[in-house]
Amino acid sequence: PKTQSQLLEDMKSFVVPFAALVKLCIKWYRYYDVWMDGCFEYLDPKFVENTTEDFLKDFQKTQKFYRNKIKSDTDTSPECKFKGQLEDPDVEKLPAPLKICARMIQTIKDFRIGVHVVSIMCNPALRERHWIEMSEVAKMDLQPDAGTTLRKIINYNLSCLDECEII
């Protein structure tokens, strides 16, 4: 019969969820990099918004899972425990998975300005006259060209996004 090893089972329950968390981080950064540095005119506002919200929910669920898991981990071997203090307000002192989740959640929240810019400037209903009006409001040429990326638009620090949204 197949023998059971408690250490092996503990290691599986330790490594597999952490690997899934790392894979989720990689997946988010792939989307993020394409959106920030890819071709601006092909960004789909609904897709960017929905995908961003889905990732935020996934990281929040993972964070909750790890909080509960770390609280209840009292009988596993010390090799299969994350170091850190669970309720520390300093993110750097949290156990590794919670630290990763907190950083990723903050990254996604910081990207909300990008979601807002995409929803305004990648609207399929925009015509030439809209770009002219938005450029006049911003006092600079906003019409996208081949070198336009979301990162460049965000770096303009446009204070007129609300007026552009109205246009």
Protein backbone atom coordinates (compact mmCIF):
# COMPACT_ATOMS: atom_id res chain seq x y z
CA PRO A 1 0.00 0.00 0.00
CA LYS A 2 0.97 3.58 -0.59
CA THR A 3 2.58 5.06 2.51
CA GLN A 4 1.48 8.42 3.85
CA SER A 5 3.95 11.01 4.97
CA GLN A 6 2.58 13.82 7.11
CA LEU A 7 5.56 16.03 6.27
CA LEU A 8 4.91 15.57 2.54
CA GLU A 9 1.24 16.49 2.98
CA ASP A 10 2.20 19.52 5.06
CA MET A 11 4.68 20.61 2.40
CA LYS A 12 2.07 20.23 -0.34
CA SER A 13 -0.44 22.34 1.57
CA PHE A 14 2.33 24.91 2.11
CA VAL A 15 3.86 25.08 -1.38
CA VAL A 16 0.90 24.60 -3.74
CA PRO A 17 -1.16 27.64 -2.60
CA PHE A 18 1.97 29.79 -2.51
CA ALA A 19 2.83 28.74 -6.07
CA ALA A 20 -0.71 29.67 -7.12
CA LEU A 21 -0.22 33.11 -5.52
CA VAL A 22 3.04 33.66 -7.40
CA LYS A 23 1.37 32.53 -10.64
CA LEU A 24 -1.46 35.02 -10.03
CA CYS A 25 1.12 37.81 -9.53
CA ILE A 26 2.86 36.92 -12.78
CA LYS A 27 -0.46 36.87 -14.63
CA TRP A 28 -1.39 40.33 -13.26
CA TYR A 29 1.96 41.83 -14.23
CA ARG A 30 1.65 40.43 -17.76
CA TYR A 31 -1.63 42.27 -18.22
CA TYR A 32 -0.31 45.37 -16.46
CA ASP A 33 2.80 45.57 -18.66
CA VAL A 34 0.79 45.12 -21.86
CA TRP A 35 -1.69 47.79 -20.79
CA MET A 36 0.94 50.28 -19.63
CA ASP A 37 3.46 49.89 -22.45
CA GLY A 38 1.48 48.28 -25.25
CA CYS A 39 -0.37 49.87 -28.12
CA PHE A 40 -2.76 52.43 -26.65
CA GLU A 41 -5.40 52.38 -29.36
CA TYR A 42 -6.14 48.67 -28.90
CA LEU A 43 -7.01 48.91 -25.20
CA ASP A 44 -10.58 47.83 -24.45
CA PRO A 45 -11.99 49.84 -21.52
CA LYS A 46 -14.46 47.18 -20.36
CA PHE A 47 -11.84 44.42 -20.49
CA VAL A 48 -9.29 46.49 -18.56
CA GLU A 49 -11.84 47.45 -15.91
CA ASN A 50 -13.31 43.96 -15.49
CA THR A 51 -9.94 42.23 -15.46
CA THR A 52 -8.56 44.68 -12.91
CA GLU A 53 -11.56 44.15 -10.62
CA ASP A 54 -11.26 40.36 -11.02
CA PHE A 55 -7.60 40.44 -10.02
CA LEU A 56 -8.39 42.67 -7.04
CA LYS A 57 -11.04 40.20 -5.86
CA ASP A 58 -8.68 37.26 -6.40
CA PHE A 59 -5.92 38.88 -4.33
CA GLN A 60 -8.38 39.82 -1.59
CA LYS A 61 -9.68 36.23 -1.47
CA THR A 62 -6.11 34.93 -1.36
CA GLN A 63 -5.26 37.35 1.42
CA LYS A 64 -8.27 36.18 3.43
CA PHE A 65 -7.34 32.54 2.77
CA TYR A 66 -3.79 33.09 4.05
CA ARG A 67 -4.96 35.05 7.11
CA ASN A 68 -7.20 32.16 8.10
CA LYS A 69 -4.59 29.54 7.21
CA ILE A 70 -1.81 31.23 9.18
CA LYS A 71 -4.09 31.76 12.19
CA SER A 72 -5.04 28.09 12.23
CA ASP A 73 -1.53 26.68 11.57
CA THR A 74 -0.61 25.47 15.01
CA ASP A 75 0.08 21.79 14.49
CA THR A 76 2.15 21.81 11.29
CA SER A 77 5.89 21.42 11.28
CA PRO A 78 8.03 24.58 11.64
CA GLU A 79 9.49 24.04 8.16
CA CYS A 80 6.02 24.64 6.71
CA LYS A 81 5.24 27.96 8.38
CA PHE A 82 5.74 31.49 7.13
CA LYS A 83 7.77 33.80 9.30
CA GLY A 84 6.29 37.11 10.31
CA GLN A 85 3.71 38.68 12.57
CA LEU A 86 0.11 38.30 11.45
CA GLU A 87 -1.41 41.48 12.88
CA ASP A 88 1.52 43.85 12.36
CA PRO A 89 0.53 47.18 10.75
CA ASP A 90 3.92 47.30 8.99
CA VAL A 91 3.52 45.39 5.71
CA GLU A 92 7.20 44.42 5.74
CA LYS A 93 6.76 42.37 8.93
CA LEU A 94 3.82 40.33 7.66
CA PRO A 95 4.26 36.70 6.60
CA ALA A 96 5.39 36.46 2.95
CA PRO A 97 2.03 35.61 1.32
CA LEU A 98 0.25 38.41 3.16
CA LYS A 99 3.03 40.83 2.26
CA ILE A 100 2.71 39.84 -1.41
CA CYS A 101 -1.08 40.15 -1.33
CA ALA A 102 -0.93 43.57 0.35
CA ARG A 103 1.55 44.87 -2.21
CA MET A 104 -0.46 43.49 -5.14
CA ILE A 105 -3.71 44.94 -3.82
CA GLN A 106 -2.01 48.33 -3.46
CA THR A 107 -0.58 48.04 -7.00
CA ILE A 108 -4.04 47.32 -8.39
CA LYS A 109 -5.58 50.21 -6.43
CA ASP A 110 -2.84 52.51 -7.74
CA PHE A 111 -3.70 51.36 -11.27
CA ARG A 112 -7.27 52.67 -10.95
CA ILE A 113 -6.11 55.95 -12.49
CA GLY A 114 -5.04 53.89 -15.51
CA VAL A 115 -8.46 52.26 -15.67
CA HIS A 116 -10.04 55.72 -15.55
CA VAL A 117 -7.79 57.03 -18.33
CA VAL A 118 -8.53 53.99 -20.51
CA SER A 119 -12.27 54.40 -19.97
CA ILE A 120 -12.06 58.01 -21.12
CA MET A 121 -9.47 57.93 -23.91
CA CYS A 122 -10.08 54.51 -25.42
CA ASN A 123 -13.80 54.99 -25.86
CA PRO A 124 -14.74 53.64 -29.30
CA ALA A 125 -17.17 56.55 -29.79
CA LEU A 126 -14.36 59.17 -29.81
CA ARG A 127 -14.02 61.05 -33.08
CA GLU A 128 -11.51 63.59 -34.40
CA ARG A 129 -13.51 66.51 -32.98
CA HIS A 130 -13.40 64.97 -29.50
CA TRP A 131 -9.62 64.67 -29.61
CA ILE A 132 -9.35 68.30 -30.72
CA GLU A 133 -11.58 69.44 -27.83
CA MET A 134 -9.68 67.31 -25.28
CA SER A 135 -6.35 68.64 -26.59
CA GLU A 136 -7.60 72.22 -26.19
CA VAL A 137 -8.71 71.54 -22.61
CA ALA A 138 -5.37 69.87 -21.77
CA LYS A 139 -3.38 72.56 -23.62
CA MET A 140 -1.38 69.84 -25.37
CA ASP A 141 -1.87 67.37 -28.19
CA LEU A 142 -3.56 64.28 -26.75
CA GLN A 143 -4.41 62.51 -29.97
CA PRO A 144 -2.72 59.10 -29.84
CA ASP A 145 -0.11 58.15 -32.40
CA ALA A 146 2.07 55.08 -32.90
CA GLY A 147 4.22 55.84 -29.84
CA THR A 148 1.41 56.57 -27.41
CA THR A 149 1.18 54.30 -24.36
CA LEU A 150 -0.96 54.41 -21.26
CA ARG A 151 2.17 55.05 -19.18
CA LYS A 152 2.93 58.21 -21.21
CA ILE A 153 -0.64 59.49 -20.81
CA ILE A 154 -0.58 58.83 -17.05
CA ASN A 155 2.81 60.56 -16.76
CA TYR A 156 1.27 63.72 -18.24
CA ASN A 157 -0.54 64.06 -14.87
CA LEU A 158 -3.58 65.46 -16.61
CA SER A 159 -5.69 67.51 -14.24
CA CYS A 160 -8.43 67.81 -16.84
CA LEU A 161 -9.61 64.18 -16.89
CA ASP A 162 -13.08 65.14 -15.66
CA GLU A 163 -13.48 67.66 -18.49
CA CYS A 164 -12.22 65.07 -20.99
CA GLU A 165 -14.75 62.58 -19.65
CA ILE A 166 -17.55 65.06 -20.27
CA ILE A 167 -16.33 65.60 -23.86
